[in-house]
N, C-alpha and C. Protein backbone atom coordinates (compact mmCIF):
# COMPACT_ATOMS: atom_id res chain seq x y z
N MET A 1 -10.80 -22.83 16.46
CA MET A 1 -10.14 -21.55 16.32
C MET A 1 -10.74 -20.59 17.33
N THR A 2 -9.93 -20.23 18.31
CA THR A 2 -10.44 -19.34 19.34
C THR A 2 -9.59 -18.09 19.53
N ASP A 3 -8.39 -18.09 19.02
CA ASP A 3 -7.51 -16.94 19.22
C ASP A 3 -7.75 -15.88 18.15
N THR A 4 -7.77 -14.63 18.57
CA THR A 4 -7.85 -13.50 17.65
C THR A 4 -6.44 -13.21 17.12
N LEU A 5 -6.33 -12.88 15.87
CA LEU A 5 -5.02 -12.51 15.33
C LEU A 5 -4.52 -11.25 16.03
N SER A 6 -3.22 -11.12 16.04
CA SER A 6 -2.60 -9.93 16.65
C SER A 6 -2.97 -8.69 15.84
N ASP A 7 -2.85 -7.53 16.48
CA ASP A 7 -3.10 -6.28 15.76
C ASP A 7 -2.16 -6.13 14.58
N SER A 8 -0.92 -6.57 14.71
CA SER A 8 0.01 -6.43 13.58
C SER A 8 -0.43 -7.31 12.41
N ALA A 9 -0.97 -8.49 12.69
CA ALA A 9 -1.48 -9.34 11.61
C ALA A 9 -2.71 -8.71 10.96
N LEU A 10 -3.61 -8.17 11.77
CA LEU A 10 -4.80 -7.52 11.23
C LEU A 10 -4.42 -6.28 10.42
N ASP A 11 -3.39 -5.57 10.87
CA ASP A 11 -2.89 -4.42 10.10
C ASP A 11 -2.40 -4.87 8.73
N GLN A 12 -1.62 -5.96 8.72
CA GLN A 12 -1.04 -6.45 7.47
C GLN A 12 -2.12 -6.94 6.50
N LEU A 13 -3.14 -7.58 7.02
CA LEU A 13 -4.17 -8.13 6.16
C LEU A 13 -5.22 -7.11 5.73
N PHE A 14 -5.52 -6.14 6.63
CA PHE A 14 -6.64 -5.24 6.37
C PHE A 14 -6.32 -3.76 6.55
N ARG A 15 -5.98 -3.36 7.76
CA ARG A 15 -5.95 -1.93 8.08
C ARG A 15 -4.87 -1.16 7.34
N ASN A 16 -3.70 -1.73 7.17
CA ASN A 16 -2.62 -1.03 6.47
C ASN A 16 -2.46 -1.49 5.02
N ALA A 17 -3.13 -2.56 4.65
CA ALA A 17 -3.02 -3.08 3.28
C ALA A 17 -3.75 -2.15 2.32
N ARG A 18 -3.18 -1.99 1.15
CA ARG A 18 -3.75 -1.07 0.16
C ARG A 18 -3.75 -1.73 -1.21
N THR A 19 -4.55 -1.18 -2.11
CA THR A 19 -4.50 -1.57 -3.51
C THR A 19 -3.42 -0.74 -4.18
N HIS A 20 -2.42 -1.42 -4.72
CA HIS A 20 -1.27 -0.72 -5.30
C HIS A 20 -1.39 -0.61 -6.81
N ASN A 21 -0.75 0.44 -7.33
CA ASN A 21 -0.75 0.69 -8.77
C ASN A 21 0.65 0.68 -9.37
N ALA A 22 1.67 0.51 -8.54
CA ALA A 22 3.05 0.44 -9.03
C ALA A 22 3.77 -0.63 -8.22
N PHE A 23 4.51 -1.48 -8.91
CA PHE A 23 5.13 -2.64 -8.27
C PHE A 23 6.57 -2.80 -8.69
N SER A 24 7.33 -3.49 -7.83
CA SER A 24 8.69 -3.88 -8.15
C SER A 24 8.94 -5.25 -7.53
N GLY A 25 10.16 -5.74 -7.70
CA GLY A 25 10.54 -7.01 -7.08
C GLY A 25 10.39 -8.19 -8.03
N GLN A 26 10.66 -9.35 -7.47
CA GLN A 26 10.51 -10.61 -8.18
C GLN A 26 9.79 -11.58 -7.27
N ILE A 27 9.07 -12.50 -7.88
CA ILE A 27 8.35 -13.52 -7.12
C ILE A 27 8.71 -14.87 -7.71
N ASP A 28 9.28 -15.74 -6.87
CA ASP A 28 9.73 -17.04 -7.38
C ASP A 28 8.59 -18.06 -7.38
N ASP A 29 8.85 -19.19 -8.03
CA ASP A 29 7.85 -20.25 -8.15
C ASP A 29 7.39 -20.74 -6.78
N ALA A 30 8.32 -20.89 -5.85
CA ALA A 30 7.96 -21.40 -4.52
C ALA A 30 6.95 -20.49 -3.83
N THR A 31 7.12 -19.19 -3.97
CA THR A 31 6.18 -18.25 -3.37
C THR A 31 4.81 -18.34 -4.03
N LEU A 32 4.78 -18.48 -5.34
CA LEU A 32 3.50 -18.61 -6.04
C LEU A 32 2.79 -19.90 -5.63
N ARG A 33 3.54 -20.95 -5.42
CA ARG A 33 2.93 -22.20 -4.96
C ARG A 33 2.41 -22.06 -3.53
N ARG A 34 3.17 -21.39 -2.66
CA ARG A 34 2.69 -21.13 -1.29
C ARG A 34 1.42 -20.30 -1.32
N LEU A 35 1.41 -19.31 -2.19
CA LEU A 35 0.24 -18.44 -2.32
C LEU A 35 -0.99 -19.26 -2.71
N TYR A 36 -0.87 -20.08 -3.72
CA TYR A 36 -2.00 -20.91 -4.13
C TYR A 36 -2.42 -21.86 -3.01
N ASP A 37 -1.45 -22.48 -2.34
CA ASP A 37 -1.76 -23.45 -1.30
C ASP A 37 -2.52 -22.83 -0.13
N LEU A 38 -2.33 -21.53 0.11
CA LEU A 38 -3.15 -20.84 1.12
C LEU A 38 -4.52 -20.48 0.55
N ALA A 39 -4.55 -19.89 -0.63
CA ALA A 39 -5.80 -19.41 -1.21
C ALA A 39 -6.80 -20.54 -1.45
N LYS A 40 -6.30 -21.73 -1.78
CA LYS A 40 -7.21 -22.84 -2.12
C LYS A 40 -8.00 -23.33 -0.91
N LEU A 41 -7.59 -22.95 0.29
CA LEU A 41 -8.24 -23.46 1.50
C LEU A 41 -9.52 -22.71 1.87
N GLY A 42 -9.77 -21.57 1.25
CA GLY A 42 -11.00 -20.83 1.54
C GLY A 42 -12.22 -21.58 1.04
N PRO A 43 -13.36 -21.41 1.72
CA PRO A 43 -14.57 -22.14 1.34
C PRO A 43 -15.20 -21.64 0.05
N THR A 44 -15.78 -22.58 -0.68
CA THR A 44 -16.61 -22.28 -1.85
C THR A 44 -17.80 -23.23 -1.82
N GLU A 45 -18.82 -22.93 -2.60
CA GLU A 45 -20.02 -23.76 -2.63
C GLU A 45 -19.66 -25.20 -2.99
N ALA A 46 -20.08 -26.13 -2.13
CA ALA A 46 -19.81 -27.56 -2.31
C ALA A 46 -18.31 -27.84 -2.50
N ASN A 47 -17.48 -26.98 -1.92
CA ASN A 47 -16.03 -27.12 -2.04
C ASN A 47 -15.59 -27.25 -3.50
N ALA A 48 -16.33 -26.59 -4.39
CA ALA A 48 -16.10 -26.76 -5.82
C ALA A 48 -14.79 -26.15 -6.30
N GLY A 49 -14.32 -25.09 -5.64
CA GLY A 49 -13.07 -24.46 -6.07
C GLY A 49 -13.04 -24.19 -7.56
N PRO A 50 -13.99 -23.41 -8.10
CA PRO A 50 -14.05 -23.24 -9.54
C PRO A 50 -12.97 -22.34 -10.14
N ALA A 51 -12.22 -21.64 -9.31
CA ALA A 51 -11.21 -20.73 -9.85
C ALA A 51 -10.07 -21.51 -10.49
N ARG A 52 -9.56 -20.94 -11.57
CA ARG A 52 -8.35 -21.43 -12.21
C ARG A 52 -7.42 -20.22 -12.33
N PHE A 53 -6.15 -20.42 -12.00
CA PHE A 53 -5.20 -19.32 -11.88
C PHE A 53 -4.09 -19.44 -12.92
N VAL A 54 -3.83 -18.37 -13.61
CA VAL A 54 -2.67 -18.30 -14.50
C VAL A 54 -1.77 -17.21 -13.95
N PHE A 55 -0.57 -17.59 -13.54
CA PHE A 55 0.41 -16.64 -13.01
C PHE A 55 1.25 -16.14 -14.18
N VAL A 56 0.93 -14.97 -14.66
CA VAL A 56 1.58 -14.40 -15.85
C VAL A 56 2.83 -13.67 -15.38
N ARG A 57 3.98 -14.23 -15.71
CA ARG A 57 5.24 -13.66 -15.25
C ARG A 57 6.23 -13.42 -16.39
N SER A 58 6.28 -14.29 -17.36
CA SER A 58 7.28 -14.15 -18.42
C SER A 58 6.94 -12.96 -19.32
N ARG A 59 7.94 -12.45 -20.00
CA ARG A 59 7.74 -11.35 -20.94
C ARG A 59 6.79 -11.78 -22.06
N GLN A 60 6.94 -13.02 -22.55
CA GLN A 60 6.09 -13.50 -23.62
C GLN A 60 4.62 -13.56 -23.18
N ALA A 61 4.38 -14.04 -21.97
CA ALA A 61 3.00 -14.11 -21.47
C ALA A 61 2.43 -12.72 -21.25
N LYS A 62 3.25 -11.79 -20.74
CA LYS A 62 2.79 -10.41 -20.55
C LYS A 62 2.41 -9.80 -21.90
N GLU A 63 3.17 -10.10 -22.95
CA GLU A 63 2.86 -9.56 -24.27
C GLU A 63 1.55 -10.11 -24.81
N ARG A 64 1.20 -11.34 -24.43
CA ARG A 64 -0.11 -11.90 -24.82
C ARG A 64 -1.23 -11.23 -24.04
N LEU A 65 -0.95 -10.86 -22.80
CA LEU A 65 -1.96 -10.22 -21.96
C LEU A 65 -2.17 -8.76 -22.33
N GLY A 66 -1.11 -8.08 -22.73
CA GLY A 66 -1.14 -6.64 -22.98
C GLY A 66 -2.29 -6.13 -23.82
N PRO A 67 -2.58 -6.74 -24.98
CA PRO A 67 -3.66 -6.21 -25.83
C PRO A 67 -5.04 -6.24 -25.18
N ALA A 68 -5.22 -7.01 -24.13
CA ALA A 68 -6.53 -7.10 -23.47
C ALA A 68 -6.72 -6.03 -22.40
N LEU A 69 -5.65 -5.33 -22.03
CA LEU A 69 -5.71 -4.40 -20.91
C LEU A 69 -6.28 -3.05 -21.31
N SER A 70 -7.04 -2.45 -20.39
CA SER A 70 -7.49 -1.08 -20.62
C SER A 70 -6.28 -0.15 -20.55
N GLU A 71 -6.42 1.02 -21.13
CA GLU A 71 -5.30 1.96 -21.17
C GLU A 71 -4.77 2.27 -19.78
N GLY A 72 -5.65 2.46 -18.82
CA GLY A 72 -5.23 2.81 -17.47
C GLY A 72 -4.56 1.69 -16.71
N ASN A 73 -4.72 0.47 -17.17
CA ASN A 73 -4.13 -0.68 -16.48
C ASN A 73 -2.90 -1.24 -17.19
N TYR A 74 -2.59 -0.73 -18.37
CA TYR A 74 -1.54 -1.34 -19.18
C TYR A 74 -0.16 -1.24 -18.54
N GLU A 75 0.30 -0.03 -18.26
CA GLU A 75 1.68 0.16 -17.78
C GLU A 75 1.93 -0.57 -16.47
N LYS A 76 1.02 -0.42 -15.51
CA LYS A 76 1.25 -1.04 -14.20
C LYS A 76 1.23 -2.57 -14.28
N THR A 77 0.41 -3.09 -15.19
CA THR A 77 0.34 -4.54 -15.32
C THR A 77 1.57 -5.09 -16.02
N MET A 78 2.02 -4.40 -17.05
CA MET A 78 3.21 -4.86 -17.74
C MET A 78 4.45 -4.78 -16.85
N ALA A 79 4.45 -3.85 -15.89
CA ALA A 79 5.60 -3.68 -15.00
C ALA A 79 5.54 -4.56 -13.76
N ALA A 80 4.36 -5.05 -13.41
CA ALA A 80 4.23 -5.86 -12.20
C ALA A 80 5.01 -7.16 -12.34
N PRO A 81 5.64 -7.63 -11.28
CA PRO A 81 6.38 -8.89 -11.36
C PRO A 81 5.52 -10.07 -11.82
N VAL A 82 4.27 -10.13 -11.33
CA VAL A 82 3.34 -11.19 -11.70
C VAL A 82 1.94 -10.60 -11.78
N THR A 83 1.20 -11.03 -12.78
CA THR A 83 -0.22 -10.73 -12.85
C THR A 83 -0.96 -12.06 -12.84
N VAL A 84 -1.89 -12.20 -11.92
CA VAL A 84 -2.66 -13.44 -11.83
C VAL A 84 -3.98 -13.25 -12.57
N ILE A 85 -4.22 -14.11 -13.53
CA ILE A 85 -5.54 -14.17 -14.15
C ILE A 85 -6.34 -15.17 -13.32
N VAL A 86 -7.39 -14.68 -12.69
CA VAL A 86 -8.29 -15.57 -11.95
C VAL A 86 -9.47 -15.85 -12.86
N GLY A 87 -9.58 -17.08 -13.28
CA GLY A 87 -10.68 -17.50 -14.14
C GLY A 87 -11.62 -18.41 -13.38
N HIS A 88 -12.68 -18.81 -14.06
CA HIS A 88 -13.62 -19.77 -13.46
C HIS A 88 -13.95 -20.83 -14.50
N ASP A 89 -13.93 -22.07 -14.03
CA ASP A 89 -14.17 -23.22 -14.89
C ASP A 89 -15.66 -23.54 -14.90
N LEU A 90 -16.28 -23.44 -16.07
CA LEU A 90 -17.71 -23.72 -16.17
C LEU A 90 -18.03 -25.21 -16.00
N ARG A 91 -17.02 -26.05 -16.06
CA ARG A 91 -17.20 -27.48 -15.78
C ARG A 91 -16.55 -27.85 -14.44
N PHE A 92 -16.64 -26.92 -13.50
CA PHE A 92 -16.09 -27.15 -12.15
C PHE A 92 -16.63 -28.43 -11.54
N TYR A 93 -17.84 -28.81 -11.89
CA TYR A 93 -18.49 -29.96 -11.28
C TYR A 93 -17.82 -31.28 -11.62
N ASP A 94 -16.98 -31.30 -12.67
CA ASP A 94 -16.24 -32.53 -13.00
C ASP A 94 -15.29 -32.94 -11.87
N LYS A 95 -14.86 -31.98 -11.07
CA LYS A 95 -13.92 -32.25 -9.97
C LYS A 95 -14.64 -32.60 -8.66
N LEU A 96 -15.96 -32.48 -8.62
CA LEU A 96 -16.68 -32.68 -7.36
C LEU A 96 -16.58 -34.09 -6.79
N PRO A 97 -16.48 -35.15 -7.60
CA PRO A 97 -16.31 -36.47 -6.99
C PRO A 97 -15.07 -36.56 -6.09
N VAL A 98 -14.05 -35.76 -6.38
CA VAL A 98 -12.85 -35.73 -5.55
C VAL A 98 -12.99 -34.68 -4.45
N LEU A 99 -13.51 -33.50 -4.80
CA LEU A 99 -13.54 -32.39 -3.86
C LEU A 99 -14.69 -32.45 -2.86
N PHE A 100 -15.76 -33.16 -3.19
CA PHE A 100 -16.94 -33.25 -2.32
C PHE A 100 -17.45 -34.69 -2.37
N PRO A 101 -16.62 -35.65 -1.88
CA PRO A 101 -16.86 -37.07 -2.16
C PRO A 101 -17.98 -37.73 -1.38
N HIS A 102 -18.50 -37.10 -0.34
CA HIS A 102 -19.46 -37.79 0.52
C HIS A 102 -20.88 -37.84 -0.04
N VAL A 103 -21.16 -37.09 -1.12
CA VAL A 103 -22.44 -37.18 -1.83
C VAL A 103 -22.16 -37.00 -3.32
N ASP A 104 -23.17 -37.30 -4.13
CA ASP A 104 -23.02 -37.14 -5.58
C ASP A 104 -23.32 -35.69 -5.96
N ALA A 105 -22.42 -34.79 -5.60
CA ALA A 105 -22.62 -33.36 -5.87
C ALA A 105 -22.51 -33.04 -7.36
N LYS A 106 -21.81 -33.85 -8.11
CA LYS A 106 -21.70 -33.59 -9.55
C LYS A 106 -23.08 -33.55 -10.20
N SER A 107 -23.98 -34.42 -9.73
CA SER A 107 -25.33 -34.47 -10.31
C SER A 107 -26.13 -33.20 -10.03
N TRP A 108 -25.73 -32.43 -9.03
CA TRP A 108 -26.43 -31.18 -8.73
C TRP A 108 -26.24 -30.16 -9.85
N PHE A 109 -25.15 -30.28 -10.59
CA PHE A 109 -24.79 -29.27 -11.59
C PHE A 109 -24.77 -29.78 -13.03
N GLU A 110 -24.43 -31.05 -13.21
CA GLU A 110 -24.32 -31.59 -14.56
C GLU A 110 -25.64 -31.44 -15.29
N GLY A 111 -25.59 -30.89 -16.50
CA GLY A 111 -26.80 -30.68 -17.28
C GLY A 111 -27.55 -29.41 -16.94
N SER A 112 -27.02 -28.62 -16.00
CA SER A 112 -27.66 -27.35 -15.63
C SER A 112 -27.52 -26.34 -16.76
N PRO A 113 -28.43 -25.37 -16.82
CA PRO A 113 -28.28 -24.30 -17.81
C PRO A 113 -26.97 -23.55 -17.59
N GLU A 114 -26.37 -23.08 -18.69
CA GLU A 114 -25.09 -22.38 -18.58
C GLU A 114 -25.19 -21.17 -17.65
N GLU A 115 -26.33 -20.53 -17.62
CA GLU A 115 -26.51 -19.37 -16.74
C GLU A 115 -26.28 -19.76 -15.27
N ARG A 116 -26.79 -20.90 -14.85
CA ARG A 116 -26.59 -21.35 -13.46
C ARG A 116 -25.12 -21.68 -13.22
N LEU A 117 -24.51 -22.40 -14.16
CA LEU A 117 -23.10 -22.76 -14.01
C LEU A 117 -22.22 -21.52 -13.96
N GLN A 118 -22.52 -20.53 -14.81
CA GLN A 118 -21.77 -19.28 -14.82
C GLN A 118 -21.91 -18.58 -13.47
N ARG A 119 -23.12 -18.54 -12.92
CA ARG A 119 -23.36 -17.85 -11.65
C ARG A 119 -22.57 -18.52 -10.52
N VAL A 120 -22.64 -19.83 -10.43
CA VAL A 120 -21.93 -20.55 -9.36
C VAL A 120 -20.43 -20.42 -9.53
N ALA A 121 -19.94 -20.59 -10.76
CA ALA A 121 -18.50 -20.54 -11.01
C ALA A 121 -17.95 -19.13 -10.78
N LEU A 122 -18.67 -18.11 -11.24
CA LEU A 122 -18.21 -16.74 -11.06
C LEU A 122 -18.21 -16.34 -9.59
N ARG A 123 -19.25 -16.70 -8.87
CA ARG A 123 -19.31 -16.39 -7.44
C ARG A 123 -18.16 -17.07 -6.69
N GLY A 124 -17.94 -18.34 -6.97
CA GLY A 124 -16.86 -19.06 -6.29
C GLY A 124 -15.49 -18.52 -6.63
N SER A 125 -15.26 -18.21 -7.91
CA SER A 125 -13.94 -17.71 -8.29
C SER A 125 -13.72 -16.30 -7.74
N SER A 126 -14.79 -15.53 -7.59
CA SER A 126 -14.65 -14.21 -6.97
C SER A 126 -14.24 -14.34 -5.51
N MET A 127 -14.83 -15.30 -4.82
CA MET A 127 -14.42 -15.56 -3.44
C MET A 127 -12.96 -15.99 -3.40
N GLN A 128 -12.57 -16.84 -4.33
CA GLN A 128 -11.20 -17.33 -4.35
C GLN A 128 -10.21 -16.21 -4.71
N ALA A 129 -10.64 -15.26 -5.52
CA ALA A 129 -9.78 -14.10 -5.80
C ALA A 129 -9.53 -13.31 -4.52
N ALA A 130 -10.57 -13.16 -3.70
CA ALA A 130 -10.40 -12.46 -2.42
C ALA A 130 -9.47 -13.24 -1.50
N TYR A 131 -9.59 -14.55 -1.48
CA TYR A 131 -8.67 -15.36 -0.66
C TYR A 131 -7.23 -15.19 -1.16
N LEU A 132 -7.08 -15.13 -2.48
CA LEU A 132 -5.75 -14.93 -3.07
C LEU A 132 -5.15 -13.61 -2.59
N ILE A 133 -5.93 -12.56 -2.58
CA ILE A 133 -5.46 -11.25 -2.14
C ILE A 133 -5.02 -11.30 -0.68
N LEU A 134 -5.83 -11.92 0.18
CA LEU A 134 -5.47 -12.02 1.60
C LEU A 134 -4.25 -12.92 1.80
N ALA A 135 -4.17 -14.00 1.04
CA ALA A 135 -3.00 -14.88 1.14
C ALA A 135 -1.74 -14.14 0.71
N ALA A 136 -1.83 -13.36 -0.35
CA ALA A 136 -0.68 -12.59 -0.81
C ALA A 136 -0.23 -11.61 0.27
N ARG A 137 -1.18 -10.91 0.86
CA ARG A 137 -0.84 -9.98 1.95
C ARG A 137 -0.20 -10.72 3.12
N ALA A 138 -0.71 -11.90 3.43
CA ALA A 138 -0.14 -12.69 4.53
C ALA A 138 1.30 -13.08 4.25
N LEU A 139 1.64 -13.24 2.96
CA LEU A 139 3.01 -13.61 2.57
C LEU A 139 3.89 -12.39 2.32
N GLY A 140 3.38 -11.20 2.62
CA GLY A 140 4.18 -9.99 2.48
C GLY A 140 4.17 -9.38 1.10
N LEU A 141 3.24 -9.80 0.26
CA LEU A 141 3.13 -9.24 -1.09
C LEU A 141 2.03 -8.18 -1.11
N ASP A 142 2.17 -7.22 -2.00
CA ASP A 142 1.12 -6.24 -2.24
C ASP A 142 0.34 -6.65 -3.48
N THR A 143 -0.90 -6.18 -3.55
CA THR A 143 -1.77 -6.59 -4.64
C THR A 143 -2.43 -5.39 -5.31
N GLY A 144 -2.86 -5.61 -6.52
CA GLY A 144 -3.61 -4.61 -7.27
C GLY A 144 -4.66 -5.32 -8.11
N PRO A 145 -5.82 -5.64 -7.52
CA PRO A 145 -6.88 -6.28 -8.31
C PRO A 145 -7.52 -5.30 -9.27
N MET A 146 -7.99 -5.81 -10.42
CA MET A 146 -8.61 -4.93 -11.41
C MET A 146 -9.51 -5.72 -12.34
N SER A 147 -10.50 -5.01 -12.84
CA SER A 147 -11.41 -5.61 -13.81
C SER A 147 -11.38 -4.87 -15.14
N GLY A 148 -10.47 -3.92 -15.30
CA GLY A 148 -10.37 -3.14 -16.53
C GLY A 148 -9.60 -3.87 -17.61
N PHE A 149 -10.25 -4.84 -18.23
CA PHE A 149 -9.63 -5.60 -19.32
C PHE A 149 -10.73 -6.22 -20.16
N ASP A 150 -10.36 -6.65 -21.34
CA ASP A 150 -11.29 -7.28 -22.26
C ASP A 150 -11.28 -8.79 -22.00
N ASN A 151 -12.36 -9.28 -21.39
CA ASN A 151 -12.42 -10.70 -21.03
C ASN A 151 -12.27 -11.60 -22.25
N ALA A 152 -12.91 -11.24 -23.35
CA ALA A 152 -12.86 -12.09 -24.54
C ALA A 152 -11.42 -12.23 -25.05
N LYS A 153 -10.66 -11.15 -25.00
CA LYS A 153 -9.26 -11.22 -25.45
C LYS A 153 -8.42 -12.07 -24.50
N VAL A 154 -8.63 -11.93 -23.19
CA VAL A 154 -7.91 -12.76 -22.22
C VAL A 154 -8.26 -14.23 -22.42
N ASP A 155 -9.54 -14.50 -22.60
CA ASP A 155 -9.96 -15.89 -22.79
C ASP A 155 -9.36 -16.48 -24.06
N ALA A 156 -9.31 -15.69 -25.14
CA ALA A 156 -8.72 -16.18 -26.39
C ALA A 156 -7.22 -16.43 -26.24
N ALA A 157 -6.54 -15.58 -25.47
CA ALA A 157 -5.09 -15.70 -25.34
C ALA A 157 -4.67 -16.78 -24.35
N PHE A 158 -5.49 -17.04 -23.32
CA PHE A 158 -5.05 -17.94 -22.25
C PHE A 158 -5.96 -19.16 -22.03
N PHE A 159 -7.20 -19.11 -22.47
CA PHE A 159 -8.13 -20.21 -22.16
C PHE A 159 -8.80 -20.79 -23.40
N ALA A 160 -8.25 -20.53 -24.59
CA ALA A 160 -8.85 -21.03 -25.83
C ALA A 160 -9.00 -22.55 -25.76
N GLY A 161 -10.16 -23.04 -26.19
CA GLY A 161 -10.39 -24.48 -26.23
C GLY A 161 -10.69 -25.10 -24.88
N THR A 162 -10.91 -24.27 -23.85
CA THR A 162 -11.23 -24.78 -22.52
C THR A 162 -12.60 -24.26 -22.08
N ASN A 163 -13.03 -24.70 -20.93
CA ASN A 163 -14.27 -24.22 -20.33
C ASN A 163 -14.02 -23.12 -19.31
N VAL A 164 -12.84 -22.56 -19.32
CA VAL A 164 -12.46 -21.53 -18.35
C VAL A 164 -12.70 -20.16 -18.97
N ARG A 165 -13.24 -19.25 -18.15
CA ARG A 165 -13.47 -17.86 -18.55
C ARG A 165 -12.82 -16.96 -17.51
N SER A 166 -12.27 -15.84 -17.95
CA SER A 166 -11.58 -14.92 -17.04
C SER A 166 -12.59 -14.16 -16.18
N ASN A 167 -12.15 -13.83 -14.96
CA ASN A 167 -12.98 -13.10 -14.02
C ASN A 167 -12.32 -11.79 -13.63
N ILE A 168 -11.10 -11.87 -13.09
CA ILE A 168 -10.42 -10.69 -12.54
C ILE A 168 -8.92 -10.87 -12.70
N LEU A 169 -8.20 -9.77 -12.74
CA LEU A 169 -6.74 -9.79 -12.76
C LEU A 169 -6.24 -9.24 -11.43
N VAL A 170 -5.12 -9.77 -10.95
CA VAL A 170 -4.52 -9.28 -9.71
C VAL A 170 -3.02 -9.14 -9.93
N ASN A 171 -2.52 -7.90 -9.89
CA ASN A 171 -1.09 -7.68 -9.95
C ASN A 171 -0.47 -7.98 -8.59
N LEU A 172 0.72 -8.56 -8.60
CA LEU A 172 1.44 -8.92 -7.38
C LEU A 172 2.85 -8.36 -7.41
N GLY A 173 3.36 -8.00 -6.26
CA GLY A 173 4.75 -7.55 -6.14
C GLY A 173 4.93 -6.75 -4.87
N ARG A 174 5.97 -5.95 -4.86
CA ARG A 174 6.21 -5.00 -3.77
C ARG A 174 5.64 -3.66 -4.22
N GLY A 175 4.62 -3.19 -3.53
CA GLY A 175 3.97 -1.96 -3.92
C GLY A 175 4.81 -0.74 -3.61
N ASP A 176 4.70 0.26 -4.46
CA ASP A 176 5.39 1.53 -4.27
C ASP A 176 4.44 2.48 -3.53
N GLU A 177 4.69 2.66 -2.24
CA GLU A 177 3.80 3.49 -1.42
C GLU A 177 3.88 4.96 -1.76
N SER A 178 4.93 5.39 -2.46
CA SER A 178 5.07 6.81 -2.78
C SER A 178 4.03 7.30 -3.78
N VAL A 179 3.38 6.37 -4.50
CA VAL A 179 2.39 6.78 -5.49
C VAL A 179 0.97 6.41 -5.09
N LEU A 180 0.78 6.04 -3.83
CA LEU A 180 -0.56 5.70 -3.36
C LEU A 180 -1.39 6.96 -3.17
N TYR A 181 -2.64 6.86 -3.52
CA TYR A 181 -3.61 7.90 -3.15
C TYR A 181 -3.96 7.71 -1.68
N PRO A 182 -4.45 8.76 -1.02
CA PRO A 182 -4.96 8.56 0.34
C PRO A 182 -6.05 7.49 0.32
N ARG A 183 -6.18 6.76 1.43
CA ARG A 183 -7.19 5.71 1.49
C ARG A 183 -8.58 6.33 1.30
N SER A 184 -9.35 5.74 0.43
CA SER A 184 -10.72 6.21 0.21
C SER A 184 -11.60 5.80 1.38
N PRO A 185 -12.65 6.56 1.64
CA PRO A 185 -13.53 6.24 2.76
C PRO A 185 -14.24 4.91 2.56
N ARG A 186 -14.71 4.36 3.64
CA ARG A 186 -15.55 3.16 3.63
C ARG A 186 -16.85 3.51 4.36
N LEU A 187 -17.90 2.79 4.03
CA LEU A 187 -19.16 2.99 4.72
C LEU A 187 -19.05 2.54 6.17
N SER A 188 -19.73 3.24 7.05
CA SER A 188 -19.76 2.83 8.47
C SER A 188 -20.64 1.59 8.61
N PHE A 189 -20.55 0.96 9.76
CA PHE A 189 -21.39 -0.19 10.04
C PHE A 189 -22.85 0.15 9.83
N ASP A 190 -23.29 1.26 10.42
CA ASP A 190 -24.70 1.63 10.36
C ASP A 190 -25.17 1.94 8.94
N GLU A 191 -24.27 2.35 8.06
CA GLU A 191 -24.64 2.62 6.69
C GLU A 191 -24.74 1.35 5.84
N ALA A 192 -23.98 0.34 6.20
CA ALA A 192 -23.87 -0.85 5.34
C ALA A 192 -24.36 -2.14 5.98
N ALA A 193 -24.67 -2.11 7.26
CA ALA A 193 -24.99 -3.37 7.93
C ALA A 193 -26.07 -3.15 8.98
N ARG A 194 -26.66 -4.24 9.39
CA ARG A 194 -27.60 -4.20 10.52
C ARG A 194 -27.58 -5.55 11.21
N ILE A 195 -27.98 -5.55 12.44
CA ILE A 195 -28.08 -6.78 13.23
C ILE A 195 -29.56 -7.03 13.51
N GLU A 196 -30.04 -8.18 13.17
CA GLU A 196 -31.46 -8.50 13.41
C GLU A 196 -31.58 -9.65 14.39
């Protein structure tokens, strides 16, 4: 990879992209599959891919999600065409014989304390949530990631009886730019970074 993306591509992915709070439109199954197929390609530790995605689109699924949402996130989430629950599988290592076949990576994690598994799974699924956001932007969708929800309620409604725990929610659709706040400042390079 030697070519830099065009300015228009960088604008779409970063400079002009915003976190939206109001959405419209519809998203079909094919687009959701394309979205996942892009997001899954981002790197994670030992290629573990611990994220698990639930694309909440139906009215019935939204009604199950609703009670877990904070007051400030309820209306926009219920109105969004799709809300993605990004979870993390605490038994991600069961897939490592397929995902990382050249060594016995499963043995690196099997039998580990839950705290270690939680740390690795949460870190990886957080990275995958970021890949999902960039993939959505690349496909022309707007996003609204949020953490204002009751994880225990989401887990009970969508992951009961599994080893998956919720991490973050991401609303998807066509964002309404008329209700955007001005872009908030970001730290400068010198405030947030250094070269050694």
